[in-house]
Protein backbone atom coordinates (compact mmCIF):
# COMPACT_ATOMS: atom_id res chain seq x y z
CA MET A 1 -21.04 6.52 2.99
CA CYS A 2 -17.36 6.40 2.04
CA GLU A 3 -15.66 3.05 1.50
CA CYS A 4 -13.29 3.54 4.44
CA CYS A 5 -16.32 3.93 6.72
CA CYS A 6 -18.15 0.96 5.14
CA ALA A 7 -15.10 -1.27 5.61
CA ASP A 8 -14.29 0.19 9.05
CA ALA A 9 -10.77 0.73 7.68
CA VAL A 10 -7.85 1.34 10.02
CA ASP A 11 -5.59 4.23 8.97
CA TYR A 12 -1.89 3.32 9.08
CA GLY A 13 -0.65 6.76 8.07
CA GLU A 14 0.74 8.59 5.06
CA VAL A 15 2.86 6.49 2.69
CA VAL A 16 3.63 9.12 0.06
CA SER A 17 2.49 12.71 -0.20
CA GLY A 18 -1.29 12.77 0.38
CA TRP A 19 -1.79 8.96 0.09
CA PHE A 20 -2.64 6.92 3.17
CA LEU A 21 -2.41 3.18 3.82
CA VAL A 22 -5.59 1.63 5.25
CA ARG A 23 -6.76 -1.90 6.10
CA ALA A 24 -10.37 -3.10 6.14
CA ARG A 25 -11.70 -4.55 9.39
CA LYS A 26 -14.96 -5.71 7.82
CA GLU A 27 -16.59 -6.22 4.42
CA GLY A 28 -17.19 -2.97 2.58
CA GLN A 29 -18.61 -2.23 -0.85
CA ILE A 30 -15.17 -2.61 -2.48
CA MET A 31 -12.76 -3.79 0.22
CA GLN A 32 -12.97 -7.20 1.86
CA THR A 33 -11.97 -7.88 5.46
CA GLY A 34 -8.18 -7.76 5.80
CA GLN A 35 -7.52 -6.10 2.45
CA TRP A 36 -5.17 -3.14 2.19
CA GLY A 37 -5.90 0.08 0.32
CA LEU A 38 -4.26 3.33 -0.72
CA VAL A 39 -6.53 6.31 -0.15
CA PHE A 40 -6.20 9.87 -1.39
CA CYS A 41 -9.67 11.04 -0.43
CA ASN A 42 -12.62 8.97 0.86
CA GLY A 43 -12.20 5.64 -0.88
CA PRO A 44 -9.26 3.47 -1.86
CA SER A 45 -7.85 3.91 -5.36
CA VAL A 46 -5.83 0.70 -5.07
CA VAL A 47 -6.94 -2.42 -3.15
CA TRP A 48 -4.90 -5.59 -2.59
CA THR A 49 -4.62 -8.55 -0.22
CA THR A 50 -0.93 -9.15 0.53
CA THR A 51 0.71 -7.34 3.45
CA PRO A 52 3.56 -5.20 2.07
CA ILE A 53 7.07 -6.41 2.91
CA PRO A 54 10.49 -4.92 2.11
CA ASN A 55 12.21 -6.03 -1.10
CA PRO A 56 14.86 -8.59 -0.08
CA PHE A 57 16.88 -7.68 -3.21
CA GLU A 58 17.15 -3.96 -2.35
CA GLY A 59 20.77 -2.81 -2.23
CA LYS A 60 22.22 -6.25 -3.05
CA THR A 61 24.58 -7.19 -5.86
CA ASP A 62 23.64 -9.88 -8.39
CA ALA A 63 25.98 -12.31 -6.60
CA GLU A 64 24.29 -11.60 -3.25
CA ILE A 65 20.87 -12.07 -4.83
CA ASP A 66 21.93 -15.39 -6.37
CA ALA A 67 23.13 -16.54 -2.93
CA LEU A 68 19.81 -15.79 -1.21
CA PRO A 69 18.16 -19.01 0.02
CA ASP A 70 14.64 -17.55 -0.34
CA ASP A 71 13.12 -14.31 -1.56
CA GLU A 72 10.10 -14.76 0.78
CA GLY A 73 7.86 -14.80 -2.30
CA TRP A 74 8.38 -11.06 -2.66
CA ILE A 75 7.88 -10.95 -6.43
CA GLU A 76 4.54 -12.78 -6.18
CA LYS A 77 3.44 -10.57 -3.27
CA ALA A 78 4.43 -7.40 -5.12
CA ALA A 79 2.61 -8.69 -8.23
CA ASP A 80 -0.60 -8.98 -6.15
CA PHE A 81 -0.28 -5.28 -5.36
CA GLN A 82 0.54 -4.47 -8.98
CA VAL A 83 -2.44 -6.12 -10.65
CA THR A 84 -5.29 -5.58 -8.17
CA GLY A 85 -7.13 -2.31 -8.57
CA SER A 86 -10.28 -0.61 -7.44
CA PRO A 87 -13.15 0.85 -9.47
CA ASP A 88 -11.98 4.25 -8.16
CA MET A 89 -8.61 3.95 -9.94
CA CYS A 90 -8.83 6.26 -12.93
CA LEU A 91 -5.98 7.61 -15.04
CA THR A 92 -5.88 10.84 -13.01
CA ALA A 93 -5.55 8.89 -9.74
CA CYS A 94 -2.72 6.83 -11.30
CA TRP A 95 -0.92 10.00 -12.33
CA ASP A 96 -1.43 11.59 -8.91
CA LEU A 97 -0.11 8.48 -7.14
CA VAL A 98 3.03 8.28 -9.30
CA GLU A 99 3.64 12.02 -8.81
CA ALA A 100 3.27 11.57 -5.03
CA CYS A 101 5.80 8.72 -5.24
CA ARG A 102 8.21 10.95 -7.13
CA GLN A 103 7.84 13.64 -4.46
CA SER A 104 8.71 10.97 -1.89
CA GLY A 105 11.91 9.81 -3.63
CA TYR A 106 10.80 7.51 -6.46
CA ASN A 107 12.96 7.88 -9.58
CA PRO A 108 11.83 5.80 -12.58
CA GLU A 109 15.35 5.70 -14.04
CA GLU A 110 16.79 4.34 -10.81
CA HIS A 111 13.90 2.33 -9.33
CA GLY A 112 12.03 0.93 -12.33
CA ASP A 113 8.38 0.03 -11.71
CA ALA A 114 6.57 2.43 -9.39
CA GLU A 115 4.43 -0.42 -8.03
CA TRP A 116 7.44 -2.39 -6.84
CA TRP A 117 9.08 0.72 -5.37
CA LEU A 118 5.89 1.60 -3.48
CA PHE A 119 5.30 -1.97 -2.23
CA HIS A 120 8.88 -2.02 -0.89
CA ARG A 121 8.47 1.44 0.69
CA MET A 122 5.27 0.38 2.46
CA GLY A 123 6.94 -2.83 3.65
CA VAL A 124 9.90 -0.93 5.09
CA MET A 125 7.61 1.61 6.76
CA LEU A 126 5.40 -1.13 8.27
CA GLN A 127 8.39 -3.16 9.45
CA SER A 128 10.09 -0.14 11.05
CA GLY A 129 6.89 0.96 12.80
CA GLU A 130 6.75 4.24 10.89
CA LEU A 131 3.36 3.07 9.63
CA LYS A 132 1.14 1.58 12.31
CA PRO A 133 -2.56 1.46 13.13
CA GLN A 134 -3.77 4.84 14.34
CA GLU A 135 -5.81 5.08 17.50
CA VAL A 136 -9.45 5.39 16.53
CA PRO A 137 -11.88 6.76 19.09
CA PRO A 138 -14.90 4.56 19.77
CA LYS A 139 -17.88 5.34 17.59
CA GLU A 140 -20.77 7.16 19.22
CA PRO A 141 -23.97 5.09 19.28
CA HIS A 142 -26.65 6.44 16.98
CA GLY A 143 -29.71 7.46 18.94
């Protein structure tokens, strides 16, 4: 059985080309209840705990950043996404994910780390409602 089925993961929709954001509703083989994942096929290639939020520094000058009272712990939250992986995350999956990010607007020269760009993108999409839990039909009882 695929990990998304084991974890009864909710599909939030496509984040970047071919990659979907999911969240576990119960313990799976890899994902724990409440964890987020990025899925290209059946199982998550990246798993993390922190809910993505937009980067509070995005589009601000250094002076504006220095004047911020609080960054909402964004760096620590983004670091959780950056360092937590899944056994399914191989070099090919990494490459495919970065390429999908590039197709969706990521530019390494302009944006720096792909992880931080993607965490911000997911946060913006969740906050705006572009990503939201998809309606899942009730499961048929097994006879």
